[in-house]
C-alpha atoms as a PDB file:
ATOM      1  CA  MET A   1      44.283  15.663  26.794  1.00  0.00           C
ATOM      2  CA  ASN A   2      43.178  17.449  23.609  1.00  0.00           C
ATOM      3  CA  ARG A   3      39.659  16.387  22.549  1.00  0.00           C
ATOM      4  CA  LEU A   4      40.818  15.673  18.980  1.00  0.00           C
ATOM      5  CA  ILE A   5      43.418  13.263  20.328  1.00  0.00           C
ATOM      6  CA  GLU A   6      40.838  11.689  22.627  1.00  0.00           C
ATOM      7  CA  ALA A   7      38.513  11.172  19.655  1.00  0.00           C
ATOM      8  CA  ARG A   8      41.325   9.646  17.643  1.00  0.00           C
ATOM      9  CA  LEU A   9      42.157   7.265  20.484  1.00  0.00           C
ATOM     10  CA  GLU A  10      38.604   5.946  20.290  1.00  0.00           C
ATOM     11  CA  THR A  11      39.444   4.530  16.831  1.00  0.00           C
ATOM     12  CA  HIS A  12      42.143   2.302  18.384  1.00  0.00           C
ATOM     13  CA  ALA A  13      41.484  -0.995  20.176  1.00  0.00           C
ATOM     14  CA  ILE A  14      43.173  -0.345  23.530  1.00  0.00           C
ATOM     15  CA  ALA A  15      43.298  -3.166  26.069  1.00  0.00           C
ATOM     16  CA  THR A  16      46.628  -2.498  27.838  1.00  0.00           C
ATOM     17  CA  VAL A  17      48.865   0.399  28.820  1.00  0.00           C
ATOM     18  CA  GLN A  18      51.259  -0.637  26.031  1.00  0.00           C
ATOM     19  CA  ASP A  19      48.377  -0.405  23.539  1.00  0.00           C
ATOM     20  CA  LEU A  20      47.786   3.153  24.742  1.00  0.00           C
ATOM     21  CA  VAL A  21      51.476   4.063  24.414  1.00  0.00           C
ATOM     22  CA  ASN A  22      51.539   2.660  20.873  1.00  0.00           C
ATOM     23  CA  ALA A  23      48.360   4.507  19.909  1.00  0.00           C
ATOM     24  CA  LEU A  24      49.597   7.838  21.284  1.00  0.00           C
ATOM     25  CA  ARG A  25      52.884   7.413  19.475  1.00  0.00           C
ATOM     26  CA  GLU A  26      51.084   6.727  16.189  1.00  0.00           C
ATOM     27  CA  ILE A  27      48.915   9.812  16.691  1.00  0.00           C
ATOM     28  CA  SER A  28      52.061  11.889  17.249  1.00  0.00           C
ATOM     29  CA  GLN A  29      53.631  10.406  14.119  1.00  0.00           C
ATOM     30  CA  SER A  30      50.597  11.433  12.042  1.00  0.00           C
ATOM     31  CA  ILE A  31      50.762  14.978  13.443  1.00  0.00           C
ATOM     32  CA  ALA A  32      54.448  15.129  12.472  1.00  0.00           C
ATOM     33  CA  LEU A  33      53.704  13.920   8.928  1.00  0.00           C
ATOM     34  CA  ALA A  34      51.048  16.602   8.483  1.00  0.00           C
ATOM     35  CA  ALA A  35      53.491  19.238   9.708  1.00  0.00           C
ATOM     36  CA  LEU A  36      56.197  18.079   7.315  1.00  0.00           C
ATOM     37  CA  PHE A  37      53.744  18.222   4.411  1.00  0.00           C
ATOM     38  CA  ARG A  38      52.852  21.826   5.234  1.00  0.00           C
ATOM     39  CA  ALA A  39      56.536  22.682   5.350  1.00  0.00           C
ATOM     40  CA  GLY A  40      57.160  21.258   1.862  1.00  0.00           C
ATOM     41  CA  PHE A  41      59.307  18.376   3.090  1.00  0.00           C
ATOM     42  CA  PHE A  42      57.799  15.855   0.660  1.00  0.00           C
ATOM     43  CA  LYS A  43      59.042  17.880  -2.292  1.00  0.00           C
ATOM     44  CA  ARG A  44      62.486  16.530  -1.478  1.00  0.00           C
ATOM     45  CA  ALA A  45      62.044  13.333   0.541  1.00  0.00           C
ATOM     46  CA  ALA A  46      60.033  10.113   0.683  1.00  0.00           C
ATOM     47  CA  PHE A  47      58.593   8.253   3.667  1.00  0.00           C
ATOM     48  CA  HIS A  48      59.448   4.554   4.156  1.00  0.00           C
ATOM     49  CA  GLY A  49      59.847   1.886   6.823  1.00  0.00           C
ATOM     50  CA  GLY A  50      57.611   0.227   9.391  1.00  0.00           C
ATOM     51  CA  THR A  51      55.587   3.313  10.313  1.00  0.00           C
ATOM     52  CA  CYS A  52      54.881   3.910   6.627  1.00  0.00           C
ATOM     53  CA  LEU A  53      53.571   0.346   6.330  1.00  0.00           C
ATOM     54  CA  ARG A  54      51.498   0.768   9.478  1.00  0.00           C
ATOM     55  CA  ILE A  55      49.838   4.049   8.484  1.00  0.00           C
ATOM     56  CA  PHE A  56      49.364   3.515   4.755  1.00  0.00           C
ATOM     57  CA  HIS A  57      49.219  -0.257   4.273  1.00  0.00           C
ATOM     58  CA  GLY A  58      47.606  -1.622   7.430  1.00  0.00           C
ATOM     59  CA  LEU A  59      50.626  -3.415   8.926  1.00  0.00           C
ATOM     60  CA  ARG A  60      49.415  -4.960  12.191  1.00  0.00           C
ATOM     61  CA  ARG A  61      52.379  -3.915  14.277  1.00  0.00           C
ATOM     62  CA  PHE A  62      53.224  -0.503  15.653  1.00  0.00           C
ATOM     63  CA  SER A  63      56.503   1.265  14.986  1.00  0.00           C
ATOM     64  CA  GLU A  64      58.660   3.792  16.847  1.00  0.00           C
ATOM     65  CA  ASP A  65      60.361   5.760  14.097  1.00  0.00           C
ATOM     66  CA  LEU A  66      59.720   8.040  11.151  1.00  0.00           C
ATOM     67  CA  ASP A  67      62.174   7.141   8.386  1.00  0.00           C
ATOM     68  CA  PHE A  68      62.753   9.171   5.237  1.00  0.00           C
ATOM     69  CA  CYS A  69      65.072   9.188   2.223  1.00  0.00           C
ATOM     70  CA  LEU A  70      65.933  12.268   0.221  1.00  0.00           C
ATOM     71  CA  PHE A  71      65.288  11.996  -3.511  1.00  0.00           C
ATOM     72  CA  GLY A  72      69.011  12.400  -4.118  1.00  0.00           C
ATOM     73  CA  PRO A  73      72.240  13.046  -2.185  1.00  0.00           C
ATOM     74  CA  ASP A  74      72.351  16.281  -0.187  1.00  0.00           C
ATOM     75  CA  THR A  75      74.748  16.284   2.737  1.00  0.00           C
ATOM     76  CA  SER A  76      73.818  19.908   3.505  1.00  0.00           C
ATOM     77  CA  PHE A  77      70.326  18.864   4.599  1.00  0.00           C
ATOM     78  CA  SER A  78      69.249  20.241   7.970  1.00  0.00           C
ATOM     79  CA  TRP A  79      66.103  19.726  10.024  1.00  0.00           C
ATOM     80  CA  GLY A  80      66.271  23.374  11.070  1.00  0.00           C
ATOM     81  CA  ALA A  81      63.918  24.482   8.291  1.00  0.00           C
ATOM     82  CA  TYR A  82      61.188  22.187   9.641  1.00  0.00           C
ATOM     83  CA  GLU A  83      61.389  22.721  13.390  1.00  0.00           C
ATOM     84  CA  ARG A  84      58.958  25.648  13.464  1.00  0.00           C
ATOM     85  CA  ALA A  85      56.368  23.808  11.364  1.00  0.00           C
ATOM     86  CA  LEU A  86      56.587  20.790  13.674  1.00  0.00           C
ATOM     87  CA  ALA A  87      56.291  22.898  16.813  1.00  0.00           C
ATOM     88  CA  THR A  88      53.307  24.813  15.402  1.00  0.00           C
ATOM     89  CA  GLU A  89      51.459  21.624  14.464  1.00  0.00           C
ATOM     90  CA  PHE A  90      51.992  19.996  17.858  1.00  0.00           C
ATOM     91  CA  ASP A  91      51.066  23.212  19.676  1.00  0.00           C
ATOM     92  CA  ALA A  92      47.684  23.144  17.912  1.00  0.00           C
ATOM     93  CA  PHE A  93      47.015  19.870  19.763  1.00  0.00           C
ATOM     94  CA  GLY A  94      48.194  21.209  23.104  1.00  0.00           C
ATOM     95  CA  LEU A  95      51.462  19.299  22.961  1.00  0.00           C
ATOM     96  CA  GLU A  96      54.834  20.785  23.794  1.00  0.00           C
ATOM     97  CA  LEU A  97      57.536  19.750  21.367  1.00  0.00           C
ATOM     98  CA  ARG A  98      61.291  19.670  21.861  1.00  0.00           C
ATOM     99  CA  VAL A  99      63.653  18.783  19.081  1.00  0.00           C
ATOM    100  CA  GLN A 100      66.877  17.165  20.255  1.00  0.00           C
ATOM    101  CA  ASP A 101      69.606  17.106  17.638  1.00  0.00           C
ATOM    102  CA  ARG A 102      71.114  13.621  17.282  1.00  0.00           C
ATOM    103  CA  SER A 103      72.947  14.193  14.020  1.00  0.00           C
ATOM    104  CA  ASP A 104      76.308  13.367  15.568  1.00  0.00           C
ATOM    105  CA  ALA A 105      75.167  10.375  17.633  1.00  0.00           C
ATOM    106  CA  PRO A 106      77.365   7.272  17.201  1.00  0.00           C
ATOM    107  CA  GLY A 107      76.169   3.681  16.965  1.00  0.00           C
ATOM    108  CA  ASN A 108      73.521   1.690  15.169  1.00  0.00           C
ATOM    109  CA  ILE A 109      71.108   4.559  14.602  1.00  0.00           C
ATOM    110  CA  LYS A 110      73.246   5.556  11.626  1.00  0.00           C
ATOM    111  CA  LYS A 111      74.057   2.069  10.433  1.00  0.00           C
ATOM    112  CA  ALA A 112      72.203  -0.654   8.563  1.00  0.00           C
ATOM    113  CA  PHE A 113      69.810   0.870   6.053  1.00  0.00           C
ATOM    114  CA  ILE A 114      70.205   4.292   7.617  1.00  0.00           C
ATOM    115  CA  LYS A 115      73.710   5.182   6.580  1.00  0.00           C
ATOM    116  CA  SER A 116      76.462   6.856   8.554  1.00  0.00           C
ATOM    117  CA  ASP A 117      75.607  10.150   6.881  1.00  0.00           C
ATOM    118  CA  ALA A 118      71.900  10.010   7.827  1.00  0.00           C
ATOM    119  CA  VAL A 119      70.595  12.960   9.852  1.00  0.00           C
ATOM    120  CA  GLY A 120      68.518  12.026  12.921  1.00  0.00           C
ATOM    121  CA  ARG A 121      66.445  13.942  15.457  1.00  0.00           C
ATOM    122  CA  ILE A 122      64.349  12.949  18.431  1.00  0.00           C
ATOM    123  CA  LEU A 123      60.913  14.499  18.749  1.00  0.00           C
ATOM    124  CA  ASP A 124      60.199  14.722  22.475  1.00  0.00           C
ATOM    125  CA  VAL A 125      56.476  15.281  22.908  1.00  0.00           C
ATOM    126  CA  ARG A 126      55.050  16.462  26.240  1.00  0.00           C
ATOM    127  CA  PRO A 127      52.797  16.173  28.143  1.00  0.00           C
ATOM    128  CA  MET A 128      50.887  12.925  27.714  1.00  0.00           C
ATOM    129  CA  ARG A 129      49.489  11.202  30.772  1.00  0.00           C
ATOM    130  CA  ILE A 130      49.053   7.450  31.173  1.00  0.00           C
ATOM    131  CA  ASP A 131      47.520   6.079  34.403  1.00  0.00           C
ATOM    132  CA  GLY A 132      47.632   9.604  35.795  1.00  0.00           C
ATOM    133  CA  ARG A 133      51.394   9.919  35.274  1.00  0.00           C
ATOM    134  CA  PRO A 134      53.207  12.100  32.737  1.00  0.00           C
ATOM    135  CA  LYS A 135      54.472  10.068  29.812  1.00  0.00           C
ATOM    136  CA  GLN A 136      57.329  11.251  27.642  1.00  0.00           C
ATOM    137  CA  MET A 137      56.678  10.302  24.026  1.00  0.00           C
ATOM    138  CA  LYS A 138      59.769  10.049  21.862  1.00  0.00           C
ATOM    139  CA  ILE A 139      59.748   9.602  18.111  1.00  0.00           C
ATOM    140  CA  LYS A 140      63.014   9.060  16.311  1.00  0.00           C
ATOM    141  CA  VAL A 141      63.049  10.898  12.986  1.00  0.00           C
ATOM    142  CA  GLU A 142      65.748  10.077  10.456  1.00  0.00           C
ATOM    143  CA  VAL A 143      66.432  11.076   6.904  1.00  0.00           C
ATOM    144  CA  ASP A 144      68.992   9.399   4.673  1.00  0.00           C
ATOM    145  CA  THR A 145      70.923  12.195   2.992  1.00  0.00           C
ATOM    146  CA  ASN A 146      72.793   9.842   0.653  1.00  0.00           C
ATOM    147  CA  PRO A 147      70.127   7.314  -0.349  1.00  0.00           C
ATOM    148  CA  PRO A 148      70.459   4.326  -2.668  1.00  0.00           C
ATOM    149  CA  ARG A 149      69.532   4.969  -6.286  1.00  0.00           C
ATOM    150  CA  LEU A 150      66.478   3.757  -8.212  1.00  0.00           C
ATOM    151  CA  ALA A 151      63.710   4.071  -5.626  1.00  0.00           C
ATOM    152  CA  ASP A 152      60.177   4.034  -7.022  1.00  0.00           C
ATOM    153  CA  LEU A 153      57.801   6.504  -5.401  1.00  0.00           C
ATOM    154  CA  GLU A 154      54.070   6.835  -4.916  1.00  0.00           C
ATOM    155  CA  SER A 155      51.710   9.321  -3.286  1.00  0.00           C
ATOM    156  CA  ARG A 156      49.560   8.168  -0.377  1.00  0.00           C
ATOM    157  CA  TYR A 157      46.999  10.229   1.529  1.00  0.00           C
ATOM    158  CA  LEU A 158      47.133  10.679   5.262  1.00  0.00           C
ATOM    159  CA  ASP A 159      43.634  10.500   6.750  1.00  0.00           C
ATOM    160  CA  TRP A 160      44.307  12.236  10.091  1.00  0.00           C
ATOM    161  CA  PRO A 161      44.723  14.972  11.304  1.00  0.00           C
ATOM    162  CA  ASP A 162      44.138  16.216   7.756  1.00  0.00           C
ATOM    163  CA  THR A 163      43.854  14.630   4.335  1.00  0.00           C
ATOM    164  CA  VAL A 164      47.233  15.473   2.833  1.00  0.00           C
ATOM    165  CA  PRO A 165      49.513  13.658   0.364  1.00  0.00           C
ATOM    166  CA  VAL A 166      52.686  11.986   1.580  1.00  0.00           C
ATOM    167  CA  ILE A 167      55.312  10.802  -0.898  1.00  0.00           C
ATOM    168  CA  CYS A 168      56.391   7.243  -0.046  1.00  0.00           C
ATOM    169  CA  HIS A 169      58.561   4.454  -1.351  1.00  0.00           C
ATOM    170  CA  ASP A 170      56.281   2.002  -3.143  1.00  0.00           C
ATOM    171  CA  LEU A 171      55.959  -1.514  -1.725  1.00  0.00           C
ATOM    172  CA  PRO A 172      58.624  -3.190  -3.937  1.00  0.00           C
ATOM    173  CA  THR A 173      61.111  -0.479  -2.917  1.00  0.00           C
ATOM    174  CA  GLY A 174      60.081  -0.792   0.726  1.00  0.00           C
ATOM    175  CA  PHE A 175      60.561  -4.553   0.541  1.00  0.00           C
ATOM    176  CA  ALA A 176      64.009  -4.040  -0.953  1.00  0.00           C
ATOM    177  CA  GLY A 177      64.862  -1.709   1.916  1.00  0.00           C
ATOM    178  CA  ARG A 178      63.707  -4.230   4.497  1.00  0.00           C
ATOM    179  CA  LEU A 179      65.745  -6.983   2.801  1.00  0.00           C
ATOM    180  CA  HIS A 180      68.790  -4.742   2.969  1.00  0.00           C
ATOM    181  CA  ALA A 181      68.283  -4.436   6.727  1.00  0.00           C
ATOM    182  CA  LEU A 182      67.831  -8.204   7.109  1.00  0.00           C
ATOM    183  CA  LEU A 183      71.003  -8.925   5.143  1.00  0.00           C
ATOM    184  CA  CYS A 184      73.191  -6.190   6.596  1.00  0.00           C
ATOM    185  CA  ARG A 185      72.023  -5.221  10.081  1.00  0.00           C
ATOM    186  CA  GLU A 186      74.644  -6.123  12.681  1.00  0.00           C
ATOM    187  CA  TYR A 187      72.056  -7.445  15.134  1.00  0.00           C
ATOM    188  CA  ALA A 188      68.794  -9.381  14.806  1.00  0.00           C
ATOM    189  CA  LYS A 189      65.683  -7.234  14.931  1.00  0.00           C
ATOM    190  CA  GLY A 190      62.439  -9.184  15.190  1.00  0.00           C
ATOM    191  CA  ARG A 191      60.445  -6.397  13.575  1.00  0.00           C
ATOM    192  CA  ASP A 192      62.482  -6.813  10.383  1.00  0.00           C
ATOM    193  CA  TRP A 193      61.411 -10.455  10.212  1.00  0.00           C
ATOM    194  CA  TYR A 194      57.796  -9.594  11.041  1.00  0.00           C
ATOM    195  CA  ASP A 195      57.749  -7.227   8.078  1.00  0.00           C
ATOM    196  CA  PHE A 196      59.435  -9.858   5.912  1.00  0.00           C
ATOM    197  CA  VAL A 197      56.584 -12.284   6.647  1.00  0.00           C
ATOM    198  CA  TRP A 198      54.104  -9.499   5.846  1.00  0.00           C
ATOM    199  CA  TYR A 199      55.712  -8.686   2.475  1.00  0.00           C
ATOM    200  CA  THR A 200      56.084 -12.317   1.402  1.00  0.00           C
ATOM    201  CA  GLY A 201      52.541 -13.112   2.461  1.00  0.00           C
ATOM    202  CA  ARG A 202      51.384 -10.525  -0.070  1.00  0.00           C
ATOM    203  CA  GLU A 203      53.773 -11.767  -2.776  1.00  0.00           C
ATOM    204  CA  THR A 204      55.276  -8.294  -3.003  1.00  0.00           C
ATOM    205  CA  PRO A 205      57.827  -7.987  -5.836  1.00  0.00           C
ATOM    206  CA  ILE A 206      61.311  -6.755  -4.945  1.00  0.00           C
ATOM    207  CA  ASN A 207      62.808  -3.609  -6.436  1.00  0.00           C
ATOM    208  CA  ILE A 208      66.064  -5.453  -7.122  1.00  0.00           C
ATOM    209  CA  PRO A 209      67.939  -2.480  -8.666  1.00  0.00           C
ATOM    210  CA  PHE A 210      67.273  -0.457  -5.503  1.00  0.00           C
ATOM    211  CA  LEU A 211      68.371  -3.365  -3.287  1.00  0.00           C
ATOM    212  CA  GLN A 212      71.542  -3.845  -5.317  1.00  0.00           C
ATOM    213  CA  SER A 213      72.328  -0.128  -5.048  1.00  0.00           C
ATOM    214  CA  ALA A 214      71.812  -0.270  -1.272  1.00  0.00           C
ATOM    215  CA  LEU A 215      73.976  -3.401  -0.885  1.00  0.00           C
ATOM    216  CA  GLU A 216      76.823  -1.885  -2.893  1.00  0.00           C
ATOM    217  CA  GLN A 217      76.602   1.325  -0.862  1.00  0.00           C
ATOM    218  CA  ASP A 218      76.414  -0.022   2.691  1.00  0.00           C
ATOM    219  CA  GLY A 219      77.031  -3.314   4.475  1.00  0.00           C
ATOM    220  CA  PRO A 220      79.296  -6.363   4.011  1.00  0.00           C
ATOM    221  CA  TRP A 221      79.030  -6.171   0.191  1.00  0.00           C
ATOM    222  CA  GLN A 222      79.863  -2.467   0.063  1.00  0.00           C
ATOM    223  CA  GLY A 223      81.871  -1.488  -2.987  1.00  0.00           C
ATOM    224  CA  ARG A 224      81.481  -4.862  -4.674  1.00  0.00           C
ATOM    225  CA  SER A 225      79.879  -5.402  -8.046  1.00  0.00           C
ATOM    226  CA  LEU A 226      77.016  -7.795  -7.342  1.00  0.00           C
ATOM    227  CA  ALA A 227      74.721  -9.840  -9.547  1.00  0.00           C
ATOM    228  CA  VAL A 228      71.658  -9.719  -7.309  1.00  0.00           C
ATOM    229  CA  ASP A 229      68.656 -11.832  -8.257  1.00  0.00           C
ATOM    230  CA  ASP A 230      65.906 -13.745  -6.439  1.00  0.00           C
ATOM    231  CA  ASP A 231      68.090 -16.825  -5.939  1.00  0.00           C
ATOM    232  CA  TRP A 232      70.986 -14.768  -4.509  1.00  0.00           C
ATOM    233  CA  ILE A 233      68.630 -13.045  -2.063  1.00  0.00           C
ATOM    234  CA  ALA A 234      66.968 -16.299  -0.948  1.00  0.00           C
ATOM    235  CA  THR A 235      70.320 -18.005  -0.390  1.00  0.00           C
ATOM    236  CA  ARG A 236      71.739 -15.131   1.660  1.00  0.00           C
ATOM    237  CA  LEU A 237      68.555 -14.950   3.759  1.00  0.00           C
ATOM    238  CA  GLU A 238      68.708 -18.673   4.524  1.00  0.00           C
ATOM    239  CA  GLU A 239      72.259 -18.169   5.745  1.00  0.00           C
ATOM    240  CA  ARG A 240      71.058 -15.402   8.066  1.00  0.00           C
ATOM    241  CA  ILE A 241      68.166 -17.520   9.347  1.00  0.00           C
ATOM    242  CA  ASP A 242      70.522 -20.420  10.142  1.00  0.00           C
ATOM    243  CA  ALA A 243      72.431 -18.112  12.513  1.00  0.00           C
ATOM    244  CA  LEU A 244      69.335 -16.380  13.934  1.00  0.00           C
ATOM    245  CA  ASP A 245      68.199 -16.694  17.554  1.00  0.00           C
ATOM    246  CA  TRP A 246      64.574 -16.742  16.451  1.00  0.00           C
ATOM    247  CA  PRO A 247      62.955 -17.007  19.932  1.00  0.00           C
ATOM    248  CA  ALA A 248      64.795 -13.830  21.002  1.00  0.00           C
ATOM    249  CA  ALA A 249      63.963 -12.035  17.771  1.00  0.00           C
ATOM    250  CA  ARG A 250      60.329 -13.091  18.064  1.00  0.00           C
ATOM    251  CA  LYS A 251      60.167 -11.779  21.648  1.00  0.00           C
ATOM    252  CA  GLU A 252      61.333  -8.349  20.464  1.00  0.00           C
ATOM    253  CA  ILE A 253      58.150  -7.977  18.400  1.00  0.00           C
ATOM    254  CA  THR A 254      55.708  -8.485  21.246  1.00  0.00           C
ATOM    255  CA  ARG A 255      55.475  -4.934  22.582  1.00  0.00           C
ATOM    256  CA  PHE A 256      54.625  -3.662  19.104  1.00  0.00           C
ATOM    257  CA  VAL A 257      51.497  -5.754  18.605  1.00  0.00           C
ATOM    258  CA  GLN A 258      48.206  -6.073  20.419  1.00  0.00           C
ATOM    259  CA  GLN A 259      47.672  -8.975  22.785  1.00  0.00           C
ATOM    260  CA  LYS A 260      45.323 -10.752  20.396  1.00  0.00           C
ATOM    261  CA  GLU A 261      48.204 -11.018  17.896  1.00  0.00           C
ATOM    262  CA  LEU A 262      50.591 -12.719  20.337  1.00  0.00           C
ATOM    263  CA  PRO A 263      49.424 -16.327  19.836  1.00  0.00           C
ATOM    264  CA  VAL A 264      49.988 -15.971  16.088  1.00  0.00           C
ATOM    265  CA  ILE A 265      53.535 -14.668  16.512  1.00  0.00           C
ATOM    266  CA  GLU A 266      54.328 -17.261  19.180  1.00  0.00           C
ATOM    267  CA  SER A 267      53.408 -19.968  16.663  1.00  0.00           C
ATOM    268  CA  TRP A 268      56.002 -18.745  14.162  1.00  0.00           C
ATOM    269  CA  THR A 269      59.224 -20.726  13.801  1.00  0.00           C
ATOM    270  CA  ALA A 270      62.507 -20.399  11.965  1.00  0.00           C
ATOM    271  CA  ASP A 271      61.139 -22.958   9.516  1.00  0.00           C
ATOM    272  CA  LEU A 272      58.475 -20.420   8.543  1.00  0.00           C
ATOM    273  CA  LEU A 273      61.181 -17.877   7.720  1.00  0.00           C
ATOM    274  CA  VAL A 274      63.064 -20.411   5.590  1.00  0.00           C
ATOM    275  CA  GLU A 275      59.871 -21.273   3.715  1.00  0.00           C
ATOM    276  CA  ARG A 276      59.207 -17.591   3.086  1.00  0.00           C
ATOM    277  CA  ALA A 277      62.800 -17.027   1.924  1.00  0.00           C
ATOM    278  CA  ARG A 278      62.403 -19.833  -0.606  1.00  0.00           C
ATOM    279  CA  ARG A 279      59.208 -18.198  -1.871  1.00  0.00           C
ATOM    280  CA  LEU A 280      61.290 -15.294  -3.161  1.00  0.00           C
ATOM    281  CA  ARG A 281      62.418 -17.401  -6.100  1.00  0.00           C
ATOM    282  CA  ASP A 282      58.814 -17.441  -7.354  1.00  0.00           C
ATOM    283  CA  LEU A 283      57.841 -13.820  -6.750  1.00  0.00           C
ATOM    284  CA  PRO A 284      56.697 -11.605  -9.636  1.00  0.00           C
ATOM    285  CA  ARG A 285      59.395  -9.275 -10.858  1.00  0.00           C
ATOM    286  CA  THR A 286      59.399  -5.524 -11.002  1.00  0.00           C
ATOM    287  CA  SER A 287      59.796  -3.891 -14.394  1.00  0.00           C
ATOM    288  CA  PRO A 288      63.373  -4.004 -15.735  1.00  0.00           C
ATOM    289  CA  ARG A 289      65.373  -0.768 -15.554  1.00  0.00           C
END
């Protein structure tokens, strides 16, 4: 294994094989972000989602994907312009990179917050060895080519492998995106609820105009003129929680956190989610548009 990767692994608390898998995936994600910066990708797109929270805001769970939104609609977008930059960056770390085109893949990858016109790829990184065996490391990379309007952006600095700026959705916009997933995803994803607890615990305001744009663009309220406010969001979330198989959703989170976090998550109940949903009515508001 490359000595720079080995040194980076030493900054992670690794107690299990799953911890090692998560750490190697996060290292690969950081390499990909640096490559995309060098290729000028962040002049046209912003980073968001769970991996963004993990890398730039200290979220205590790991994440599998790299999610991006273009600054505005562009259905002609192609990953082709970035493949060479990605391959070059990974090669510098002794990692072979394959890019598998999944743009035409059916199913949930292109649903929920990532719309049916999102463009997705799989980064297949080789070789990485765990317990002496080759380990295939896959990172799903998606960009929304027809994003909701009214995102607020900020610049954050990656600290490894190089100090480079990455354009991201700010936290209120990220929270709005996560709420869209919670309200519209066709299946329960425990990681969505984990992030919800994280956002509400920090009293993060909601970018309501962005959420309203997303709701009107995709999901059960698509095409409807909505009057979205804190009370509307809290009420709809409580309806979702009432129908949620929380033990199953909670179990889905476990492989994305370290063992020391498990007792905390196992103590969470649906009542906690309801209490956090009701907190939304008292959150500070983002600036009016």
